[in-house]
Amino acid sequence: MIAGELVILRALEPSDLERCYRWMNDPNIVRTLKSRYPMAFDHEALWLDEAVRGSNGARHFAIENRESRDHIGNASIHEIDWVSRNAYFGLFIGEPSAWNKGFGSDVVRTIVHFAFNEMNLLKLKINVFDYNERARHLLAGHGFIQEGKLQREFYREGTLHDILILSKFRSGGESSHE
């Protein structure tokens, strides 16, 4: 388990399936993810089974409210490149009662700390839809910068949207540009 100020990141468990399935079919959550169609229960169960078993290229976490220990969302560090020491990450707060309470910010802070100080990564990346102002603002507040833009990349709600590539570098990391 990885503790932040407001959250605990713990391993996903098979008992999390009902919540994960509900969240992956909530239009308010799916709107911020690349998922586009309703998720079948069995499909979510297969995904969760893989996440529970783990792999060298990804780490998946359940986000718990540290005070109540309620499971409020999920996060991951994925596409881990152990040679170049970078990875993508993602998160969502699935429980509406946990929105706008600082949990997302604490998850970002906790994941960054874990990735840089425990996994020894040098760079974290995240893809964000251009219309997701809330995520862009949150990530900028944690030092993420826009490194790129995939223009007209994803069709949703009748429009092609850009996907922004935001990154954060570990201070003092080795680089050919330093």
N, C-alpha and C. Protein backbone atom coordinates (compact mmCIF):
# COMPACT_ATOMS: atom_id res chain seq x y z
N MET A 1 0.85 -1.17 0.00
CA MET A 1 0.00 0.00 0.00
C MET A 1 0.89 1.24 0.00
N ILE A 2 0.43 2.26 -0.72
CA ILE A 2 1.19 3.50 -0.86
C ILE A 2 0.33 4.62 -0.28
N ALA A 3 0.82 5.30 0.72
CA ALA A 3 0.01 6.29 1.42
C ALA A 3 0.32 7.70 0.96
N GLY A 4 -0.72 8.44 0.67
CA GLY A 4 -0.64 9.87 0.45
C GLY A 4 -1.23 10.57 1.66
N GLU A 5 -1.48 11.86 1.53
CA GLU A 5 -2.08 12.60 2.63
C GLU A 5 -3.55 12.27 2.81
N LEU A 6 -4.29 12.17 1.68
CA LEU A 6 -5.73 11.91 1.71
C LEU A 6 -6.11 10.53 1.20
N VAL A 7 -5.19 9.89 0.47
CA VAL A 7 -5.52 8.62 -0.19
C VAL A 7 -4.51 7.54 0.15
N ILE A 8 -4.93 6.33 -0.07
CA ILE A 8 -4.06 5.16 -0.05
C ILE A 8 -4.22 4.49 -1.40
N LEU A 9 -3.10 4.16 -2.03
CA LEU A 9 -3.11 3.38 -3.26
C LEU A 9 -2.80 1.94 -2.85
N ARG A 10 -3.72 1.06 -3.12
CA ARG A 10 -3.54 -0.35 -2.77
C ARG A 10 -3.73 -1.20 -4.02
N ALA A 11 -3.37 -2.45 -3.94
CA ALA A 11 -3.57 -3.37 -5.05
C ALA A 11 -5.07 -3.52 -5.32
N LEU A 12 -5.41 -3.63 -6.58
CA LEU A 12 -6.78 -3.97 -6.94
C LEU A 12 -7.06 -5.40 -6.50
N GLU A 13 -8.29 -5.68 -6.12
CA GLU A 13 -8.71 -7.00 -5.67
C GLU A 13 -9.94 -7.44 -6.47
N PRO A 14 -10.16 -8.74 -6.60
CA PRO A 14 -11.37 -9.20 -7.30
C PRO A 14 -12.66 -8.62 -6.72
N SER A 15 -12.67 -8.33 -5.43
CA SER A 15 -13.86 -7.76 -4.78
C SER A 15 -14.16 -6.33 -5.25
N ASP A 16 -13.26 -5.71 -6.02
CA ASP A 16 -13.49 -4.36 -6.55
C ASP A 16 -14.32 -4.36 -7.83
N LEU A 17 -14.64 -5.53 -8.34
CA LEU A 17 -15.26 -5.64 -9.67
C LEU A 17 -16.55 -4.84 -9.82
N GLU A 18 -17.46 -4.94 -8.90
CA GLU A 18 -18.76 -4.24 -9.04
C GLU A 18 -18.56 -2.73 -9.20
N ARG A 19 -17.69 -2.15 -8.38
CA ARG A 19 -17.44 -0.71 -8.47
C ARG A 19 -16.78 -0.36 -9.80
N CYS A 20 -15.76 -1.13 -10.18
CA CYS A 20 -15.06 -0.85 -11.45
C CYS A 20 -16.03 -0.92 -12.62
N TYR A 21 -16.88 -1.92 -12.62
CA TYR A 21 -17.88 -2.07 -13.69
C TYR A 21 -18.82 -0.86 -13.72
N ARG A 22 -19.30 -0.44 -12.56
CA ARG A 22 -20.20 0.72 -12.49
C ARG A 22 -19.51 1.97 -13.01
N TRP A 23 -18.27 2.21 -12.58
CA TRP A 23 -17.55 3.40 -13.01
C TRP A 23 -17.28 3.40 -14.51
N MET A 24 -16.94 2.23 -15.07
CA MET A 24 -16.62 2.16 -16.50
C MET A 24 -17.87 2.28 -17.38
N ASN A 25 -19.03 2.36 -16.77
CA ASN A 25 -20.27 2.59 -17.50
C ASN A 25 -20.93 3.90 -17.10
N ASP A 26 -20.22 4.73 -16.38
CA ASP A 26 -20.71 6.05 -15.98
C ASP A 26 -20.25 7.07 -17.02
N PRO A 27 -21.18 7.69 -17.77
CA PRO A 27 -20.79 8.63 -18.83
C PRO A 27 -19.93 9.79 -18.33
N ASN A 28 -20.09 10.21 -17.09
CA ASN A 28 -19.28 11.31 -16.55
C ASN A 28 -17.82 10.92 -16.40
N ILE A 29 -17.56 9.66 -16.18
CA ILE A 29 -16.19 9.17 -16.05
C ILE A 29 -15.63 8.80 -17.41
N VAL A 30 -16.41 8.05 -18.18
CA VAL A 30 -15.95 7.58 -19.49
C VAL A 30 -15.60 8.75 -20.41
N ARG A 31 -16.25 9.88 -20.21
CA ARG A 31 -15.99 11.07 -21.03
C ARG A 31 -14.52 11.52 -20.95
N THR A 32 -13.84 11.17 -19.85
CA THR A 32 -12.43 11.57 -19.68
C THR A 32 -11.47 10.45 -20.05
N LEU A 33 -11.99 9.31 -20.48
CA LEU A 33 -11.17 8.15 -20.85
C LEU A 33 -11.32 7.85 -22.33
N LYS A 34 -10.45 7.02 -22.87
CA LYS A 34 -10.55 6.66 -24.28
C LYS A 34 -11.59 5.57 -24.54
N SER A 35 -12.16 5.03 -23.51
CA SER A 35 -13.23 4.05 -23.66
C SER A 35 -14.44 4.77 -24.28
N ARG A 36 -15.14 4.09 -25.19
CA ARG A 36 -16.26 4.80 -25.82
C ARG A 36 -17.57 4.06 -25.79
N TYR A 37 -17.56 2.77 -25.57
CA TYR A 37 -18.80 1.99 -25.62
C TYR A 37 -19.11 1.40 -24.25
N PRO A 38 -20.37 1.09 -24.00
CA PRO A 38 -20.69 0.46 -22.72
C PRO A 38 -19.84 -0.80 -22.51
N MET A 39 -19.40 -0.98 -21.29
CA MET A 39 -18.51 -2.07 -20.94
C MET A 39 -19.32 -3.25 -20.42
N ALA A 40 -19.13 -4.41 -20.99
CA ALA A 40 -19.78 -5.63 -20.50
C ALA A 40 -19.13 -6.05 -19.18
N PHE A 41 -19.92 -6.61 -18.31
CA PHE A 41 -19.43 -7.06 -17.01
C PHE A 41 -18.27 -8.04 -17.19
N ASP A 42 -18.42 -9.01 -18.08
CA ASP A 42 -17.37 -10.01 -18.29
C ASP A 42 -16.08 -9.37 -18.82
N HIS A 43 -16.20 -8.34 -19.64
CA HIS A 43 -15.01 -7.67 -20.17
C HIS A 43 -14.27 -6.95 -19.03
N GLU A 44 -15.02 -6.29 -18.17
CA GLU A 44 -14.39 -5.62 -17.02
C GLU A 44 -13.77 -6.65 -16.08
N ALA A 45 -14.43 -7.79 -15.93
CA ALA A 45 -13.89 -8.86 -15.08
C ALA A 45 -12.56 -9.38 -15.63
N LEU A 46 -12.45 -9.52 -16.95
CA LEU A 46 -11.19 -9.96 -17.57
C LEU A 46 -10.09 -8.93 -17.34
N TRP A 47 -10.45 -7.62 -17.54
CA TRP A 47 -9.47 -6.56 -17.31
C TRP A 47 -8.98 -6.58 -15.86
N LEU A 48 -9.93 -6.69 -14.93
CA LEU A 48 -9.56 -6.68 -13.51
C LEU A 48 -8.69 -7.88 -13.17
N ASP A 49 -9.01 -9.04 -13.73
CA ASP A 49 -8.20 -10.23 -13.47
C ASP A 49 -6.76 -10.00 -13.93
N GLU A 50 -6.56 -9.41 -15.09
CA GLU A 50 -5.22 -9.10 -15.57
C GLU A 50 -4.53 -8.07 -14.67
N ALA A 51 -5.28 -7.05 -14.25
CA ALA A 51 -4.71 -6.02 -13.38
C ALA A 51 -4.29 -6.60 -12.03
N VAL A 52 -5.09 -7.51 -11.50
CA VAL A 52 -4.77 -8.15 -10.22
C VAL A 52 -3.51 -9.00 -10.35
N ARG A 53 -3.38 -9.74 -11.46
CA ARG A 53 -2.20 -10.58 -11.68
C ARG A 53 -0.95 -9.75 -11.91
N GLY A 54 -1.11 -8.57 -12.52
CA GLY A 54 0.01 -7.66 -12.73
C GLY A 54 0.90 -8.07 -13.89
N SER A 55 1.77 -7.15 -14.26
CA SER A 55 2.75 -7.40 -15.31
C SER A 55 3.95 -6.50 -15.07
N ASN A 56 5.03 -6.77 -15.76
CA ASN A 56 6.23 -5.96 -15.62
C ASN A 56 6.02 -4.56 -16.20
N GLY A 57 5.07 -4.42 -17.13
CA GLY A 57 4.88 -3.15 -17.81
C GLY A 57 3.79 -2.26 -17.23
N ALA A 58 3.14 -2.69 -16.15
CA ALA A 58 2.06 -1.88 -15.59
C ALA A 58 1.86 -2.18 -14.11
N ARG A 59 1.45 -1.17 -13.39
CA ARG A 59 1.06 -1.30 -11.99
C ARG A 59 -0.31 -0.63 -11.86
N HIS A 60 -1.30 -1.37 -11.37
CA HIS A 60 -2.66 -0.84 -11.22
C HIS A 60 -2.99 -0.74 -9.73
N PHE A 61 -3.71 0.32 -9.38
CA PHE A 61 -4.02 0.59 -7.98
C PHE A 61 -5.50 0.94 -7.80
N ALA A 62 -6.04 0.53 -6.68
CA ALA A 62 -7.31 1.05 -6.21
C ALA A 62 -6.98 2.28 -5.38
N ILE A 63 -7.78 3.33 -5.53
CA ILE A 63 -7.63 4.54 -4.73
C ILE A 63 -8.62 4.46 -3.58
N GLU A 64 -8.11 4.53 -2.36
CA GLU A 64 -8.98 4.55 -1.19
C GLU A 64 -8.90 5.89 -0.49
N ASN A 65 -10.03 6.34 0.02
CA ASN A 65 -10.06 7.47 0.93
C ASN A 65 -9.31 7.01 2.20
N ARG A 66 -8.26 7.71 2.54
CA ARG A 66 -7.42 7.27 3.67
C ARG A 66 -8.20 7.23 4.98
N GLU A 67 -9.12 8.16 5.15
CA GLU A 67 -9.87 8.23 6.40
C GLU A 67 -10.92 7.12 6.51
N SER A 68 -11.74 6.96 5.47
CA SER A 68 -12.84 6.00 5.53
C SER A 68 -12.48 4.62 5.00
N ARG A 69 -11.38 4.54 4.23
CA ARG A 69 -10.93 3.32 3.55
C ARG A 69 -11.91 2.87 2.46
N ASP A 70 -12.78 3.79 2.00
CA ASP A 70 -13.67 3.49 0.88
C ASP A 70 -12.89 3.53 -0.42
N HIS A 71 -13.17 2.60 -1.31
CA HIS A 71 -12.59 2.56 -2.66
C HIS A 71 -13.31 3.64 -3.49
N ILE A 72 -12.56 4.67 -3.93
CA ILE A 72 -13.19 5.81 -4.60
C ILE A 72 -12.75 5.98 -6.05
N GLY A 73 -11.79 5.19 -6.52
CA GLY A 73 -11.33 5.32 -7.89
C GLY A 73 -10.18 4.37 -8.17
N ASN A 74 -9.60 4.53 -9.35
CA ASN A 74 -8.48 3.68 -9.78
C ASN A 74 -7.37 4.52 -10.38
N ALA A 75 -6.18 3.99 -10.35
CA ALA A 75 -5.02 4.66 -10.94
C ALA A 75 -4.08 3.59 -11.49
N SER A 76 -3.21 4.01 -12.39
CA SER A 76 -2.22 3.07 -12.91
C SER A 76 -0.97 3.81 -13.36
N ILE A 77 0.11 3.08 -13.34
CA ILE A 77 1.35 3.47 -14.01
C ILE A 77 1.54 2.37 -15.05
N HIS A 78 1.57 2.75 -16.33
CA HIS A 78 1.56 1.74 -17.39
C HIS A 78 2.50 2.14 -18.52
N GLU A 79 2.66 1.20 -19.46
CA GLU A 79 3.63 1.38 -20.54
C GLU A 79 4.99 1.76 -19.96
N ILE A 80 5.37 1.04 -18.91
CA ILE A 80 6.63 1.32 -18.21
C ILE A 80 7.80 0.89 -19.09
N ASP A 81 8.69 1.81 -19.35
CA ASP A 81 9.92 1.54 -20.09
C ASP A 81 11.05 1.57 -19.06
N TRP A 82 11.47 0.39 -18.62
CA TRP A 82 12.46 0.28 -17.56
C TRP A 82 13.84 0.72 -18.03
N VAL A 83 14.11 0.67 -19.33
CA VAL A 83 15.42 1.09 -19.85
C VAL A 83 15.49 2.62 -19.93
N SER A 84 14.51 3.23 -20.55
CA SER A 84 14.50 4.69 -20.67
C SER A 84 13.97 5.37 -19.41
N ARG A 85 13.41 4.58 -18.50
CA ARG A 85 12.94 5.04 -17.19
C ARG A 85 11.82 6.07 -17.29
N ASN A 86 10.81 5.73 -18.12
CA ASN A 86 9.62 6.57 -18.19
C ASN A 86 8.38 5.70 -18.27
N ALA A 87 7.24 6.32 -18.06
CA ALA A 87 5.97 5.58 -18.09
C ALA A 87 4.83 6.57 -18.25
N TYR A 88 3.69 6.03 -18.64
CA TYR A 88 2.43 6.77 -18.62
C TYR A 88 1.73 6.49 -17.30
N PHE A 89 0.83 7.37 -16.91
CA PHE A 89 -0.01 7.08 -15.77
C PHE A 89 -1.41 7.61 -16.06
N GLY A 90 -2.35 7.16 -15.28
CA GLY A 90 -3.72 7.62 -15.42
C GLY A 90 -4.45 7.41 -14.11
N LEU A 91 -5.56 8.10 -13.97
CA LEU A 91 -6.37 7.96 -12.77
C LEU A 91 -7.77 8.49 -13.02
N PHE A 92 -8.68 8.04 -12.22
CA PHE A 92 -10.00 8.67 -12.15
C PHE A 92 -10.57 8.46 -10.76
N ILE A 93 -11.31 9.45 -10.32
CA ILE A 93 -12.08 9.34 -9.08
C ILE A 93 -13.49 8.96 -9.53
N GLY A 94 -13.90 7.75 -9.19
CA GLY A 94 -15.17 7.22 -9.69
C GLY A 94 -16.38 7.58 -8.84
N GLU A 95 -16.17 7.75 -7.56
CA GLU A 95 -17.31 8.03 -6.68
C GLU A 95 -17.63 9.52 -6.69
N PRO A 96 -18.82 9.89 -7.17
CA PRO A 96 -19.19 11.31 -7.22
C PRO A 96 -19.08 12.01 -5.86
N SER A 97 -19.33 11.29 -4.77
CA SER A 97 -19.24 11.91 -3.44
C SER A 97 -17.80 12.29 -3.09
N ALA A 98 -16.83 11.79 -3.85
CA ALA A 98 -15.41 12.09 -3.59
C ALA A 98 -14.86 13.16 -4.53
N TRP A 99 -15.70 13.67 -5.44
CA TRP A 99 -15.24 14.69 -6.38
C TRP A 99 -15.07 16.03 -5.67
N ASN A 100 -14.12 16.82 -6.14
CA ASN A 100 -13.87 18.18 -5.65
C ASN A 100 -13.48 18.23 -4.17
N LYS A 101 -12.76 17.21 -3.71
CA LYS A 101 -12.35 17.18 -2.31
C LYS A 101 -10.84 17.03 -2.17
N GLY A 102 -10.10 17.17 -3.28
CA GLY A 102 -8.65 17.11 -3.22
C GLY A 102 -8.05 15.73 -3.40
N PHE A 103 -8.89 14.71 -3.59
CA PHE A 103 -8.36 13.35 -3.74
C PHE A 103 -7.54 13.20 -5.02
N GLY A 104 -8.03 13.76 -6.13
CA GLY A 104 -7.29 13.65 -7.40
C GLY A 104 -5.91 14.27 -7.30
N SER A 105 -5.83 15.43 -6.69
CA SER A 105 -4.54 16.10 -6.51
C SER A 105 -3.60 15.25 -5.66
N ASP A 106 -4.14 14.65 -4.61
CA ASP A 106 -3.29 13.83 -3.75
C ASP A 106 -2.85 12.56 -4.48
N VAL A 107 -3.71 12.01 -5.34
CA VAL A 107 -3.31 10.84 -6.12
C VAL A 107 -2.14 11.20 -7.03
N VAL A 108 -2.24 12.34 -7.72
CA VAL A 108 -1.15 12.75 -8.61
C VAL A 108 0.14 12.90 -7.81
N ARG A 109 0.09 13.60 -6.70
CA ARG A 109 1.27 13.81 -5.85
C ARG A 109 1.84 12.46 -5.39
N THR A 110 0.98 11.54 -4.99
CA THR A 110 1.41 10.24 -4.48
C THR A 110 2.01 9.38 -5.58
N ILE A 111 1.38 9.36 -6.75
CA ILE A 111 1.91 8.58 -7.89
C ILE A 111 3.25 9.13 -8.33
N VAL A 112 3.37 10.45 -8.44
CA VAL A 112 4.64 11.06 -8.86
C VAL A 112 5.74 10.68 -7.87
N HIS A 113 5.46 10.81 -6.60
CA HIS A 113 6.46 10.48 -5.58
C HIS A 113 6.86 9.01 -5.69
N PHE A 114 5.90 8.13 -5.81
CA PHE A 114 6.18 6.70 -5.90
C PHE A 114 6.98 6.38 -7.18
N ALA A 115 6.56 6.93 -8.30
CA ALA A 115 7.23 6.65 -9.58
C ALA A 115 8.68 7.12 -9.57
N PHE A 116 8.93 8.30 -9.03
CA PHE A 116 10.27 8.86 -9.05
C PHE A 116 11.16 8.32 -7.93
N ASN A 117 10.60 8.11 -6.75
CA ASN A 117 11.41 7.75 -5.59
C ASN A 117 11.44 6.26 -5.26
N GLU A 118 10.49 5.50 -5.76
CA GLU A 118 10.48 4.06 -5.49
C GLU A 118 10.73 3.23 -6.75
N MET A 119 10.18 3.68 -7.88
CA MET A 119 10.38 2.95 -9.14
C MET A 119 11.61 3.45 -9.90
N ASN A 120 12.16 4.58 -9.44
CA ASN A 120 13.36 5.18 -10.04
C ASN A 120 13.13 5.64 -11.49
N LEU A 121 11.90 6.06 -11.80
CA LEU A 121 11.62 6.60 -13.12
C LEU A 121 12.10 8.04 -13.20
N LEU A 122 12.37 8.49 -14.41
CA LEU A 122 12.81 9.87 -14.65
C LEU A 122 11.72 10.75 -15.23
N LYS A 123 10.68 10.12 -15.82
CA LYS A 123 9.66 10.91 -16.51
C LYS A 123 8.33 10.18 -16.43
N LEU A 124 7.27 10.95 -16.15
CA LEU A 124 5.90 10.45 -16.18
C LEU A 124 5.13 11.23 -17.23
N LYS A 125 4.28 10.52 -17.98
CA LYS A 125 3.48 11.14 -19.04
C LYS A 125 2.01 10.77 -18.84
N ILE A 126 1.16 11.65 -19.33
CA ILE A 126 -0.27 11.37 -19.32
C ILE A 126 -0.90 12.02 -20.54
N ASN A 127 -1.85 11.34 -21.14
CA ASN A 127 -2.61 11.89 -22.26
C ASN A 127 -3.91 12.45 -21.72
N VAL A 128 -4.25 13.67 -22.14
CA VAL A 128 -5.45 14.35 -21.64
C VAL A 128 -6.19 14.94 -22.83
N PHE A 129 -7.51 14.76 -22.86
CA PHE A 129 -8.31 15.39 -23.91
C PHE A 129 -8.24 16.90 -23.79
N ASP A 130 -8.24 17.58 -24.92
CA ASP A 130 -8.16 19.05 -24.92
C ASP A 130 -9.30 19.69 -24.13
N TYR A 131 -10.46 19.05 -24.08
CA TYR A 131 -11.61 19.63 -23.39
C TYR A 131 -11.61 19.36 -21.87
N ASN A 132 -10.65 18.61 -21.38
CA ASN A 132 -10.62 18.28 -19.96
C ASN A 132 -9.83 19.34 -19.19
N GLU A 133 -10.45 20.50 -19.05
CA GLU A 133 -9.80 21.64 -18.37
C GLU A 133 -9.43 21.31 -16.93
N ARG A 134 -10.29 20.56 -16.26
CA ARG A 134 -10.04 20.23 -14.86
C ARG A 134 -8.73 19.46 -14.72
N ALA A 135 -8.53 18.43 -15.56
CA ALA A 135 -7.29 17.64 -15.50
C ALA A 135 -6.08 18.49 -15.89
N ARG A 136 -6.23 19.31 -16.92
CA ARG A 136 -5.11 20.14 -17.37
C ARG A 136 -4.67 21.08 -16.25
N HIS A 137 -5.62 21.70 -15.59
CA HIS A 137 -5.32 22.62 -14.49
C HIS A 137 -4.65 21.87 -13.32
N LEU A 138 -5.20 20.73 -12.95
CA LEU A 138 -4.65 19.93 -11.86
C LEU A 138 -3.21 19.54 -12.16
N LEU A 139 -2.97 19.02 -13.35
CA LEU A 139 -1.63 18.55 -13.70
C LEU A 139 -0.63 19.70 -13.79
N ALA A 140 -1.04 20.83 -14.34
CA ALA A 140 -0.16 21.99 -14.41
C ALA A 140 0.25 22.42 -13.00
N GLY A 141 -0.67 22.32 -12.06
CA GLY A 141 -0.38 22.67 -10.67
C GLY A 141 0.65 21.74 -10.02
N HIS A 142 0.83 20.57 -10.61
CA HIS A 142 1.82 19.62 -10.11
C HIS A 142 3.07 19.59 -10.98
N GLY A 143 3.23 20.61 -11.83
CA GLY A 143 4.46 20.75 -12.60
C GLY A 143 4.50 20.01 -13.92
N PHE A 144 3.37 19.50 -14.38
CA PHE A 144 3.35 18.85 -15.69
C PHE A 144 3.33 19.91 -16.79
N ILE A 145 4.07 19.64 -17.86
CA ILE A 145 4.14 20.56 -19.00
C ILE A 145 3.62 19.84 -20.24
N GLN A 146 3.11 20.63 -21.18
CA GLN A 146 2.65 20.04 -22.43
C GLN A 146 3.85 19.81 -23.33
N GLU A 147 4.08 18.55 -23.65
CA GLU A 147 5.19 18.19 -24.54
C GLU A 147 4.73 17.99 -25.97
N GLY A 148 3.47 17.72 -26.15
CA GLY A 148 3.00 17.47 -27.50
C GLY A 148 1.50 17.51 -27.60
N LYS A 149 1.02 17.43 -28.84
CA LYS A 149 -0.41 17.44 -29.10
C LYS A 149 -0.67 16.54 -30.30
N LEU A 150 -1.58 15.60 -30.12
CA LEU A 150 -2.05 14.77 -31.22
C LEU A 150 -3.32 15.44 -31.73
N GLN A 151 -3.21 16.09 -32.87
CA GLN A 151 -4.31 16.90 -33.37
C GLN A 151 -5.40 16.04 -34.00
N ARG A 152 -6.65 16.43 -33.70
CA ARG A 152 -7.82 15.77 -34.26
C ARG A 152 -7.71 14.25 -34.14
N GLU A 153 -7.40 13.78 -32.95
CA GLU A 153 -7.04 12.39 -32.69
C GLU A 153 -8.20 11.50 -32.27
N PHE A 154 -9.19 12.07 -31.59
CA PHE A 154 -10.22 11.22 -30.99
C PHE A 154 -11.60 11.83 -31.21
N TYR A 155 -12.47 11.04 -31.80
CA TYR A 155 -13.83 11.50 -32.12
C TYR A 155 -14.75 11.21 -30.94
N ARG A 156 -15.37 12.27 -30.43
CA ARG A 156 -16.33 12.14 -29.34
C ARG A 156 -17.30 13.31 -29.40
N GLU A 157 -18.57 12.99 -29.17
CA GLU A 157 -19.62 14.00 -29.09
C GLU A 157 -19.67 14.86 -30.35
N GLY A 158 -19.49 14.21 -31.52
CA GLY A 158 -19.64 14.89 -32.79
C GLY A 158 -18.45 15.71 -33.26
N THR A 159 -17.32 15.61 -32.55
CA THR A 159 -16.16 16.44 -32.89
C THR A 159 -14.88 15.62 -32.74
N LEU A 160 -13.91 15.91 -33.61
CA LEU A 160 -12.57 15.37 -33.42
C LEU A 160 -11.83 16.25 -32.42
N HIS A 161 -11.27 15.63 -31.40
CA HIS A 161 -10.58 16.36 -30.33
C HIS A 161 -9.09 16.08 -30.36
N ASP A 162 -8.32 17.06 -29.89
CA ASP A 162 -6.89 16.88 -29.71
C ASP A 162 -6.64 16.13 -28.40
N ILE A 163 -5.56 15.38 -28.39
CA ILE A 163 -5.08 14.76 -27.16
C ILE A 163 -3.75 15.42 -26.83
N LEU A 164 -3.66 15.96 -25.63
CA LEU A 164 -2.45 16.63 -25.17
C LEU A 164 -1.57 15.64 -24.41
N ILE A 165 -0.29 15.69 -24.68
CA ILE A 165 0.67 14.84 -23.98
C ILE A 165 1.36 15.72 -22.94
N LEU A 166 1.07 15.45 -21.68
CA LEU A 166 1.64 16.22 -20.58
C LEU A 166 2.68 15.35 -19.87
N SER A 167 3.78 15.96 -19.46
CA SER A 167 4.88 15.22 -18.85
C SER A 167 5.45 15.96 -17.65
N LYS A 168 6.05 15.18 -16.77
CA LYS A 168 6.79 15.74 -15.64
C LYS A 168 8.09 14.96 -15.56
N PHE A 169 9.19 15.70 -15.39
CA PHE A 169 10.51 15.11 -15.28
C PHE A 169 10.96 15.15 -13.83
N ARG A 170 11.65 14.10 -13.43
CA ARG A 170 12.22 14.08 -12.09
C ARG A 170 13.39 15.07 -12.05
N SER A 171 13.47 15.84 -11.02
CA SER A 171 14.59 16.77 -10.84
C SER A 171 15.87 15.99 -10.70
N GLY A 172 16.91 16.46 -11.36
CA GLY A 172 18.22 15.84 -11.23
C GLY A 172 18.40 14.57 -12.01
N GLY A 173 17.42 14.23 -12.86
CA GLY A 173 17.55 13.02 -13.67
C GLY A 173 18.60 13.17 -14.75
N GLU A 174 19.21 12.07 -15.13
CA GLU A 174 20.22 12.12 -16.18
C GLU A 174 19.54 12.43 -17.50
N SER A 175 20.18 13.25 -18.31
CA SER A 175 19.65 13.60 -19.62
C SER A 175 20.78 14.02 -20.51
N SER A 176 20.63 13.74 -21.79
CA SER A 176 21.66 14.17 -22.75
C SER A 176 21.60 15.67 -22.97
N HIS A 177 20.59 16.33 -22.41
CA HIS A 177 20.41 17.76 -22.62
C HIS A 177 20.82 18.59 -21.41
N GLU A 178 21.33 17.94 -20.38
CA GLU A 178 21.71 18.71 -19.18
C GLU A 178 23.14 19.16 -19.25
